[in-house]
């Protein structure tokens, strides 16, 4: 004589709503994970030469907190090599 045991998922999980929510979240996660690997990127083919050697910019409410003022200078650029320096003040 064979015995079969069956478990009703709704009775095992209470009302069943929690089980459905977990199942939905798992499917959504797997879909997003799959899309992350399907998306194709477009790499840069060649470095572009900058025409502006100096840059002055201001930032309000960003990483600095209240505000920031910065200055940047490109000293040398040839091919893929770029030498630059920057200084700034933030509060």
PDB file of N, CA and C in Angstrom:
ATOM      1  N   UNK A   1       0.844  -1.170   0.000  1.00  0.00           N
ATOM      2  CA  UNK A   1       0.000   0.000   0.000  1.00  0.00           C
ATOM      3  C   UNK A   1       0.898   1.245   0.000  1.00  0.00           C
ATOM      4  N   UNK A   2       0.677   2.140  -0.968  1.00  0.00           N
ATOM      5  CA  UNK A   2       1.455   3.369  -1.078  1.00  0.00           C
ATOM      6  C   UNK A   2       0.725   4.494  -0.379  1.00  0.00           C
ATOM      7  N   UNK A   3       1.502   5.351   0.300  1.00  0.00           N
ATOM      8  CA  UNK A   3       0.911   6.508   0.950  1.00  0.00           C
ATOM      9  C   UNK A   3       1.436   7.770   0.277  1.00  0.00           C
ATOM     10  N   UNK A   4       0.533   8.681  -0.009  1.00  0.00           N
ATOM     11  CA  UNK A   4       0.895   9.947  -0.619  1.00  0.00           C
ATOM     12  C   UNK A   4       0.589  11.065   0.352  1.00  0.00           C
ATOM     13  N   UNK A   5       1.543  11.957   0.504  1.00  0.00           N
ATOM     14  CA  UNK A   5       1.350  13.110   1.369  1.00  0.00           C
ATOM     15  C   UNK A   5       1.334  14.368   0.509  1.00  0.00           C
ATOM     16  N   UNK A   6       0.331  15.151   0.663  1.00  0.00           N
ATOM     17  CA  UNK A   6       0.241  16.411  -0.070  1.00  0.00           C
ATOM     18  C   UNK A   6       0.147  17.546   0.934  1.00  0.00           C
ATOM     19  N   UNK A   7       0.741  18.661   0.571  1.00  0.00           N
ATOM     20  CA  UNK A   7       0.693  19.847   1.428  1.00  0.00           C
ATOM     21  C   UNK A   7       0.086  20.966   0.611  1.00  0.00           C
ATOM     22  N   UNK A   8      -0.943  21.552   1.128  1.00  0.00           N
ATOM     23  CA  UNK A   8      -1.565  22.697   0.493  1.00  0.00           C
ATOM     24  C   UNK A   8      -0.742  23.929   0.875  1.00  0.00           C
ATOM     25  N   UNK A   9      -0.193  24.633  -0.119  1.00  0.00           N
ATOM     26  CA  UNK A   9       0.689  25.763   0.174  1.00  0.00           C
ATOM     27  C   UNK A   9      -0.035  26.890   0.896  1.00  0.00           C
ATOM     28  N   UNK A  10      -1.324  27.063   0.613  1.00  0.00           N
ATOM     29  CA  UNK A  10      -2.072  28.128   1.283  1.00  0.00           C
ATOM     30  C   UNK A  10      -2.267  27.820   2.757  1.00  0.00           C
ATOM     31  N   UNK A  11      -2.534  26.568   3.082  1.00  0.00           N
ATOM     32  CA  UNK A  11      -2.691  26.206   4.489  1.00  0.00           C
ATOM     33  C   UNK A  11      -1.352  26.234   5.219  1.00  0.00           C
ATOM     34  N   UNK A  12      -0.279  25.864   4.538  1.00  0.00           N
ATOM     35  CA  UNK A  12       1.038  25.856   5.166  1.00  0.00           C
ATOM     36  C   UNK A  12       1.536  27.269   5.428  1.00  0.00           C
ATOM     37  N   UNK A  13       1.150  28.226   4.610  1.00  0.00           N
ATOM     38  CA  UNK A  13       1.622  29.595   4.757  1.00  0.00           C
ATOM     39  C   UNK A  13       0.577  30.513   5.383  1.00  0.00           C
ATOM     40  N   UNK A  14      -0.441  29.984   5.961  1.00  0.00           N
ATOM     41  CA  UNK A  14      -1.483  30.825   6.544  1.00  0.00           C
ATOM     42  C   UNK A  14      -2.503  31.170   5.483  1.00  0.00           C
ATOM     43  N   UNK A  15      -2.703  32.455   5.210  1.00  0.00           N
ATOM     44  CA  UNK A  15      -3.706  32.878   4.232  1.00  0.00           C
ATOM     45  C   UNK A  15      -3.235  32.703   2.797  1.00  0.00           C
ATOM     46  N   UNK A  16      -1.951  32.540   2.576  1.00  0.00           N
ATOM     47  CA  UNK A  16      -1.449  32.360   1.217  1.00  0.00           C
ATOM     48  C   UNK A  16      -0.964  33.643   0.587  1.00  0.00           C
ATOM     49  N   UNK A  17      -1.341  34.794   1.112  1.00  0.00           N
ATOM     50  CA  UNK A  17      -0.923  36.068   0.554  1.00  0.00           C
ATOM     51  C   UNK A  17       0.572  36.280   0.660  1.00  0.00           C
ATOM     52  N   UNK A  18       1.160  35.874   1.775  1.00  0.00           N
ATOM     53  CA  UNK A  18       2.601  36.032   1.971  1.00  0.00           C
ATOM     54  C   UNK A  18       3.379  35.158   0.996  1.00  0.00           C
ATOM     55  N   UNK A  19       2.898  33.943   0.775  1.00  0.00           N
ATOM     56  CA  UNK A  19       3.548  33.032  -0.164  1.00  0.00           C
ATOM     57  C   UNK A  19       3.527  33.604  -1.576  1.00  0.00           C
ATOM     58  N   UNK A  20       2.398  34.168  -1.977  1.00  0.00           N
ATOM     59  CA  UNK A  20       2.287  34.762  -3.309  1.00  0.00           C
ATOM     60  C   UNK A  20       3.202  35.969  -3.451  1.00  0.00           C
ATOM     61  N   UNK A  21       3.323  36.781  -2.404  1.00  0.00           N
ATOM     62  CA  UNK A  21       4.182  37.962  -2.445  1.00  0.00           C
ATOM     63  C   UNK A  21       5.648  37.562  -2.588  1.00  0.00           C
ATOM     64  N   UNK A  22       6.068  36.551  -1.859  1.00  0.00           N
ATOM     65  CA  UNK A  22       7.452  36.070  -1.958  1.00  0.00           C
ATOM     66  C   UNK A  22       7.709  35.509  -3.347  1.00  0.00           C
ATOM     67  N   UNK A  23       6.761  34.789  -3.881  1.00  0.00           N
ATOM     68  CA  UNK A  23       6.900  34.219  -5.221  1.00  0.00           C
ATOM     69  C   UNK A  23       6.990  35.323  -6.275  1.00  0.00           C
ATOM     70  N   UNK A  24       6.168  36.373  -6.136  1.00  0.00           N
ATOM     71  CA  UNK A  24       6.199  37.507  -7.054  1.00  0.00           C
ATOM     72  C   UNK A  24       7.539  38.232  -6.975  1.00  0.00           C
ATOM     73  N   UNK A  25       8.030  38.466  -5.772  1.00  0.00           N
ATOM     74  CA  UNK A  25       9.314  39.151  -5.606  1.00  0.00           C
ATOM     75  C   UNK A  25      10.458  38.348  -6.205  1.00  0.00           C
ATOM     76  N   UNK A  26      10.414  37.040  -6.059  1.00  0.00           N
ATOM     77  CA  UNK A  26      11.457  36.187  -6.619  1.00  0.00           C
ATOM     78  C   UNK A  26      11.429  36.240  -8.142  1.00  0.00           C
ATOM     79  N   UNK A  27      10.244  36.209  -8.736  1.00  0.00           N
ATOM     80  CA  UNK A  27      10.146  36.299 -10.194  1.00  0.00           C
ATOM     81  C   UNK A  27      10.620  37.653 -10.704  1.00  0.00           C
ATOM     82  N   UNK A  28      10.252  38.726  -9.987  1.00  0.00           N
ATOM     83  CA  UNK A  28      10.689  40.065 -10.369  1.00  0.00           C
ATOM     84  C   UNK A  28      12.205  40.186 -10.278  1.00  0.00           C
ATOM     85  N   UNK A  29      12.791  39.661  -9.223  1.00  0.00           N
ATOM     86  CA  UNK A  29      14.245  39.688  -9.064  1.00  0.00           C
ATOM     87  C   UNK A  29      14.936  38.933 -10.195  1.00  0.00           C
ATOM     88  N   UNK A  30      14.449  37.770 -10.534  1.00  0.00           N
ATOM     89  CA  UNK A  30      15.057  36.989 -11.623  1.00  0.00           C
ATOM     90  C   UNK A  30      14.909  37.690 -12.965  1.00  0.00           C
ATOM     91  N   UNK A  31      13.783  38.364 -13.190  1.00  0.00           N
ATOM     92  CA  UNK A  31      13.594  39.117 -14.429  1.00  0.00           C
ATOM     93  C   UNK A  31      14.590  40.272 -14.518  1.00  0.00           C
ATOM     94  N   UNK A  32      14.745  41.033 -13.438  1.00  0.00           N
ATOM     95  CA  UNK A  32      15.681  42.150 -13.443  1.00  0.00           C
ATOM     96  C   UNK A  32      17.127  41.673 -13.573  1.00  0.00           C
ATOM     97  N   UNK A  33      17.447  40.568 -12.941  1.00  0.00           N
ATOM     98  CA  UNK A  33      18.796  40.007 -13.056  1.00  0.00           C
ATOM     99  C   UNK A  33      19.078  39.575 -14.489  1.00  0.00           C
ATOM    100  N   UNK A  34      18.105  38.975 -15.141  1.00  0.00           N
ATOM    101  CA  UNK A  34      18.263  38.569 -16.534  1.00  0.00           C
ATOM    102  C   UNK A  34      18.441  39.783 -17.434  1.00  0.00           C
ATOM    103  N   UNK A  35      17.648  40.827 -17.228  1.00  0.00           N
ATOM    104  CA  UNK A  35      17.770  42.040 -18.038  1.00  0.00           C
ATOM    105  C   UNK A  35      19.114  42.731 -17.833  1.00  0.00           C
ATOM    106  N   UNK A  36      19.680  42.625 -16.649  1.00  0.00           N
ATOM    107  CA  UNK A  36      20.974  43.248 -16.386  1.00  0.00           C
ATOM    108  C   UNK A  36      22.073  42.629 -17.250  1.00  0.00           C
ATOM    109  N   UNK A  37      21.970  41.360 -17.566  1.00  0.00           N
ATOM    110  CA  UNK A  37      22.983  40.708 -18.388  1.00  0.00           C
ATOM    111  C   UNK A  37      22.688  40.803 -19.876  1.00  0.00           C
ATOM    112  N   UNK A  38      21.455  41.139 -20.241  1.00  0.00           N
ATOM    113  CA  UNK A  38      21.078  41.224 -21.643  1.00  0.00           C
ATOM    114  C   UNK A  38      21.432  42.594 -22.225  1.00  0.00           C
ATOM    115  N   UNK A  39      21.386  43.640 -21.412  1.00  0.00           N
ATOM    116  CA  UNK A  39      21.637  44.999 -21.883  1.00  0.00           C
ATOM    117  C   UNK A  39      23.065  45.104 -22.399  1.00  0.00           C
ATOM    118  N   UNK A  40      23.209  45.690 -23.563  1.00  0.00           N
ATOM    119  CA  UNK A  40      24.511  45.797 -24.206  1.00  0.00           C
ATOM    120  C   UNK A  40      25.039  47.219 -24.074  1.00  0.00           C
ATOM    121  N   UNK A  41      26.311  47.372 -23.775  1.00  0.00           N
ATOM    122  CA  UNK A  41      26.908  48.696 -23.662  1.00  0.00           C
ATOM    123  C   UNK A  41      27.665  49.074 -24.920  1.00  0.00           C
ATOM    124  N   UNK A  42      27.922  50.351 -25.070  1.00  0.00           N
ATOM    125  CA  UNK A  42      28.671  50.844 -26.205  1.00  0.00           C
ATOM    126  C   UNK A  42      29.938  51.525 -25.693  1.00  0.00           C
ATOM    127  N   UNK A  43      31.098  50.910 -25.836  1.00  0.00           N
ATOM    128  CA  UNK A  43      32.336  51.493 -25.321  1.00  0.00           C
ATOM    129  C   UNK A  43      32.822  52.645 -26.190  1.00  0.00           C
ATOM    130  N   UNK A  44      33.647  53.489 -25.601  1.00  0.00           N
ATOM    131  CA  UNK A  44      34.261  54.567 -26.366  1.00  0.00           C
ATOM    132  C   UNK A  44      35.313  53.974 -27.292  1.00  0.00           C
ATOM    133  N   UNK A  45      35.384  54.498 -28.469  1.00  0.00           N
ATOM    134  CA  UNK A  45      36.338  53.962 -29.429  1.00  0.00           C
ATOM    135  C   UNK A  45      37.697  54.648 -29.317  1.00  0.00           C
ATOM    136  N   UNK A  46      37.697  55.939 -29.063  1.00  0.00           N
ATOM    137  CA  UNK A  46      38.959  56.670 -29.011  1.00  0.00           C
ATOM    138  C   UNK A  46      38.804  57.860 -28.075  1.00  0.00           C
ATOM    139  N   UNK A  47      39.860  58.178 -27.341  1.00  0.00           N
ATOM    140  CA  UNK A  47      39.817  59.326 -26.449  1.00  0.00           C
ATOM    141  C   UNK A  47      39.779  60.620 -27.257  1.00  0.00           C
ATOM    142  N   UNK A  48      38.935  61.540 -26.830  1.00  0.00           N
ATOM    143  CA  UNK A  48      38.820  62.820 -27.517  1.00  0.00           C
ATOM    144  C   UNK A  48      39.759  63.834 -26.876  1.00  0.00           C
ATOM    145  N   UNK A  49      40.317  64.724 -27.679  1.00  0.00           N
ATOM    146  CA  UNK A  49      41.183  65.776 -27.167  1.00  0.00           C
ATOM    147  C   UNK A  49      40.323  66.909 -26.624  1.00  0.00           C
ATOM    148  N   UNK A  50      40.665  67.373 -25.430  1.00  0.00           N
ATOM    149  CA  UNK A  50      39.933  68.479 -24.828  1.00  0.00           C
ATOM    150  C   UNK A  50      40.488  69.792 -25.352  1.00  0.00           C
ATOM    151  N   UNK A  51      39.610  70.718 -25.685  1.00  0.00           N
ATOM    152  CA  UNK A  51      40.072  72.028 -26.129  1.00  0.00           C
ATOM    153  C   UNK A  51      40.162  72.999 -24.958  1.00  0.00           C
ATOM    154  N   UNK A  52      39.346  72.815 -23.929  1.00  0.00           N
ATOM    155  CA  UNK A  52      39.387  73.696 -22.759  1.00  0.00           C
ATOM    156  C   UNK A  52      40.414  73.160 -21.765  1.00  0.00           C
ATOM    157  N   UNK A  53      41.384  73.971 -21.414  1.00  0.00           N
ATOM    158  CA  UNK A  53      42.411  73.558 -20.466  1.00  0.00           C
ATOM    159  C   UNK A  53      42.041  73.902 -19.030  1.00  0.00           C
ATOM    160  N   UNK A  54      41.179  74.905 -18.835  1.00  0.00           N
ATOM    161  CA  UNK A  54      40.778  75.342 -17.496  1.00  0.00           C
ATOM    162  C   UNK A  54      39.283  75.110 -17.310  1.00  0.00           C
ATOM    163  N   UNK A  55      38.900  74.810 -16.075  1.00  0.00           N
ATOM    164  CA  UNK A  55      37.487  74.646 -15.752  1.00  0.00           C
ATOM    165  C   UNK A  55      37.226  75.196 -14.357  1.00  0.00           C
ATOM    166  N   UNK A  56      36.172  75.983 -14.239  1.00  0.00           N
ATOM    167  CA  UNK A  56      35.718  76.500 -12.955  1.00  0.00           C
ATOM    168  C   UNK A  56      34.257  76.105 -12.819  1.00  0.00           C
ATOM    169  N   UNK A  57      33.906  75.482 -11.689  1.00  0.00           N
ATOM    170  CA  UNK A  57      32.518  75.075 -11.520  1.00  0.00           C
ATOM    171  C   UNK A  57      32.099  75.177 -10.061  1.00  0.00           C
ATOM    172  N   UNK A  58      30.786  75.296  -9.861  1.00  0.00           N
ATOM    173  CA  UNK A  58      30.199  75.423  -8.537  1.00  0.00           C
ATOM    174  C   UNK A  58      29.146  74.331  -8.346  1.00  0.00           C
ATOM    175  N   UNK A  59      28.976  73.937  -7.098  1.00  0.00           N
ATOM    176  CA  UNK A  59      28.026  72.884  -6.759  1.00  0.00           C
ATOM    177  C   UNK A  59      27.211  73.342  -5.557  1.00  0.00           C
ATOM    178  N   UNK A  60      25.899  73.190  -5.642  1.00  0.00           N
ATOM    179  CA  UNK A  60      25.005  73.554  -4.541  1.00  0.00           C
ATOM    180  C   UNK A  60      24.272  72.316  -4.045  1.00  0.00           C
ATOM    181  N   UNK A  61      24.384  72.023  -2.763  1.00  0.00           N
ATOM    182  CA  UNK A  61      23.632  70.927  -2.158  1.00  0.00           C
ATOM    183  C   UNK A  61      24.039  69.545  -2.611  1.00  0.00           C
ATOM    184  N   UNK A  62      25.245  69.340  -3.046  1.00  0.00           N
ATOM    185  CA  UNK A  62      25.693  68.018  -3.500  1.00  0.00           C
ATOM    186  C   UNK A  62      26.409  67.268  -2.400  1.00  0.00           C
ATOM    187  N   UNK A  63      27.471  66.573  -2.761  1.00  0.00           N
ATOM    188  CA  UNK A  63      28.246  65.796  -1.799  1.00  0.00           C
ATOM    189  C   UNK A  63      28.925  66.670  -0.751  1.00  0.00           C
ATOM    190  N   UNK A  64      29.195  67.916  -1.088  1.00  0.00           N
ATOM    191  CA  UNK A  64      29.891  68.807  -0.165  1.00  0.00           C
ATOM    192  C   UNK A  64      28.990  69.269   0.974  1.00  0.00           C
ATOM    193  N   UNK A  65      27.720  69.127   0.852  1.00  0.00           N
ATOM    194  CA  UNK A  65      26.803  69.590   1.884  1.00  0.00           C
ATOM    195  C   UNK A  65      26.064  70.825   1.426  1.00  0.00           C
ATOM    196  N   UNK A  66      26.588  72.001   1.737  1.00  0.00           N
ATOM    197  CA  UNK A  66      25.916  73.251   1.347  1.00  0.00           C
ATOM    198  C   UNK A  66      26.332  73.690  -0.047  1.00  0.00           C
ATOM    199  N   UNK A  67      27.615  73.995  -0.211  1.00  0.00           N
ATOM    200  CA  UNK A  67      28.082  74.456  -1.515  1.00  0.00           C
ATOM    201  C   UNK A  67      29.560  74.144  -1.682  1.00  0.00           C
ATOM    202  N   UNK A  68      30.025  74.222  -2.939  1.00  0.00           N
ATOM    203  CA  UNK A  68      31.433  73.983  -3.253  1.00  0.00           C
ATOM    204  C   UNK A  68      31.812  74.780  -4.494  1.00  0.00           C
ATOM    205  N   UNK A  69      33.052  75.234  -4.524  1.00  0.00           N
ATOM    206  CA  UNK A  69      33.620  75.914  -5.686  1.00  0.00           C
ATOM    207  C   UNK A  69      34.925  75.207  -6.037  1.00  0.00           C
ATOM    208  N   UNK A  70      35.129  74.886  -7.307  1.00  0.00           N
ATOM    209  CA  UNK A  70      36.292  74.108  -7.722  1.00  0.00           C
ATOM    210  C   UNK A  70      36.937  74.698  -8.970  1.00  0.00           C
ATOM    211  N   UNK A  71      38.231  74.423  -9.105  1.00  0.00           N
ATOM    212  CA  UNK A  71      39.004  74.828 -10.271  1.00  0.00           C
ATOM    213  C   UNK A  71      39.800  73.617 -10.730  1.00  0.00           C
ATOM    214  N   UNK A  72      39.820  73.371 -12.027  1.00  0.00           N
ATOM    215  CA  UNK A  72      40.577  72.247 -12.583  1.00  0.00           C
ATOM    216  C   UNK A  72      41.399  72.726 -13.770  1.00  0.00           C
ATOM    217  N   UNK A  73      42.562  72.134 -13.961  1.00  0.00           N
ATOM    218  CA  UNK A  73      43.471  72.501 -15.050  1.00  0.00           C
ATOM    219  C   UNK A  73      44.061  71.239 -15.655  1.00  0.00           C
ATOM    220  N   UNK A  74      43.994  71.131 -16.992  1.00  0.00           N
ATOM    221  CA  UNK A  74      44.630  70.036 -17.723  1.00  0.00           C
ATOM    222  C   UNK A  74      45.999  70.528 -18.176  1.00  0.00           C
ATOM    223  N   UNK A  75      47.039  69.845 -17.718  1.00  0.00           N
ATOM    224  CA  UNK A  75      48.400  70.244 -18.058  1.00  0.00           C
ATOM    225  C   UNK A  75      48.895  69.617 -19.356  1.00  0.00           C
ATOM    226  N   UNK A  76      48.560  68.349 -19.549  1.00  0.00           N
ATOM    227  CA  UNK A  76      49.085  67.634 -20.715  1.00  0.00           C
ATOM    228  C   UNK A  76      48.077  66.563 -21.129  1.00  0.00           C
ATOM    229  N   UNK A  77      47.842  66.461 -22.444  1.00  0.00           N
ATOM    230  CA  UNK A  77      47.005  65.386 -22.964  1.00  0.00           C
ATOM    231  C   UNK A  77      47.565  64.939 -24.299  1.00  0.00           C
ATOM    232  N   UNK A  78      47.880  63.652 -24.372  1.00  0.00           N
ATOM    233  CA  UNK A  78      48.391  63.075 -25.606  1.00  0.00           C
ATOM    234  C   UNK A  78      47.916  61.626 -25.662  1.00  0.00           C
ATOM    235  N   UNK A  79      47.119  61.317 -26.663  1.00  0.00           N
ATOM    236  CA  UNK A  79      46.562  59.966 -26.784  1.00  0.00           C
ATOM    237  C   UNK A  79      45.591  59.694 -25.652  1.00  0.00           C
ATOM    238  N   UNK A  80      45.825  58.609 -24.913  1.00  0.00           N
ATOM    239  CA  UNK A  80      44.955  58.249 -23.802  1.00  0.00           C
ATOM    240  C   UNK A  80      45.465  58.764 -22.456  1.00  0.00           C
ATOM    241  N   UNK A  81      46.597  59.447 -22.447  1.00  0.00           N
ATOM    242  CA  UNK A  81      47.187  59.967 -21.217  1.00  0.00           C
ATOM    243  C   UNK A  81      46.762  61.407 -21.003  1.00  0.00           C
ATOM    244  N   UNK A  82      46.265  61.705 -19.818  1.00  0.00           N
ATOM    245  CA  UNK A  82      45.875  63.066 -19.473  1.00  0.00           C
ATOM    246  C   UNK A  82      46.372  63.377 -18.080  1.00  0.00           C
ATOM    247  N   UNK A  83      47.119  64.462 -17.920  1.00  0.00           N
ATOM    248  CA  UNK A  83      47.605  64.898 -16.626  1.00  0.00           C
ATOM    249  C   UNK A  83      46.836  66.167 -16.223  1.00  0.00           C
ATOM    250  N   UNK A  84      46.202  66.129 -15.067  1.00  0.00           N
ATOM    251  CA  UNK A  84      45.412  67.269 -14.633  1.00  0.00           C
ATOM    252  C   UNK A  84      45.509  67.412 -13.118  1.00  0.00           C
ATOM    253  N   UNK A  85      45.104  68.579 -12.633  1.00  0.00           N
ATOM    254  CA  UNK A  85      45.062  68.854 -11.202  1.00  0.00           C
ATOM    255  C   UNK A  85      43.832  69.677 -10.927  1.00  0.00           C
ATOM    256  N   UNK A  86      43.334  69.601  -9.702  1.00  0.00           N
ATOM    257  CA  UNK A  86      42.167  70.389  -9.329  1.00  0.00           C
ATOM    258  C   UNK A  86      42.256  70.765  -7.860  1.00  0.00           C
ATOM    259  N   UNK A  87      41.603  71.874  -7.523  1.00  0.00           N
ATOM    260  CA  UNK A  87      41.537  72.349  -6.155  1.00  0.00           C
ATOM    261  C   UNK A  87      40.151  72.926  -5.930  1.00  0.00           C
ATOM    262  N   UNK A  88      39.696  72.875  -4.679  1.00  0.00           N
ATOM    263  CA  UNK A  88      38.372  73.389  -4.417  1.00  0.00           C
ATOM    264  C   UNK A  88      38.155  73.716  -2.972  1.00  0.00           C
ATOM    265  N   UNK A  89      37.033  74.384  -2.724  1.00  0.00           N
ATOM    266  CA  UNK A  89      36.629  74.784  -1.390  1.00  0.00           C
ATOM    267  C   UNK A  89      35.173  74.360  -1.204  1.00  0.00           C
ATOM    268  N   UNK A  90      34.866  73.791  -0.054  1.00  0.00           N
ATOM    269  CA  UNK A  90      33.487  73.383   0.194  1.00  0.00           C
ATOM    270  C   UNK A  90      33.107  73.690   1.629  1.00  0.00           C
ATOM    271  N   UNK A  91      31.816  73.829   1.845  1.00  0.00           N
ATOM    272  CA  UNK A  91      31.314  74.089   3.192  1.00  0.00           C
ATOM    273  C   UNK A  91      29.991  73.401   3.379  1.00  0.00           C
TER     274      UNK A  91
END
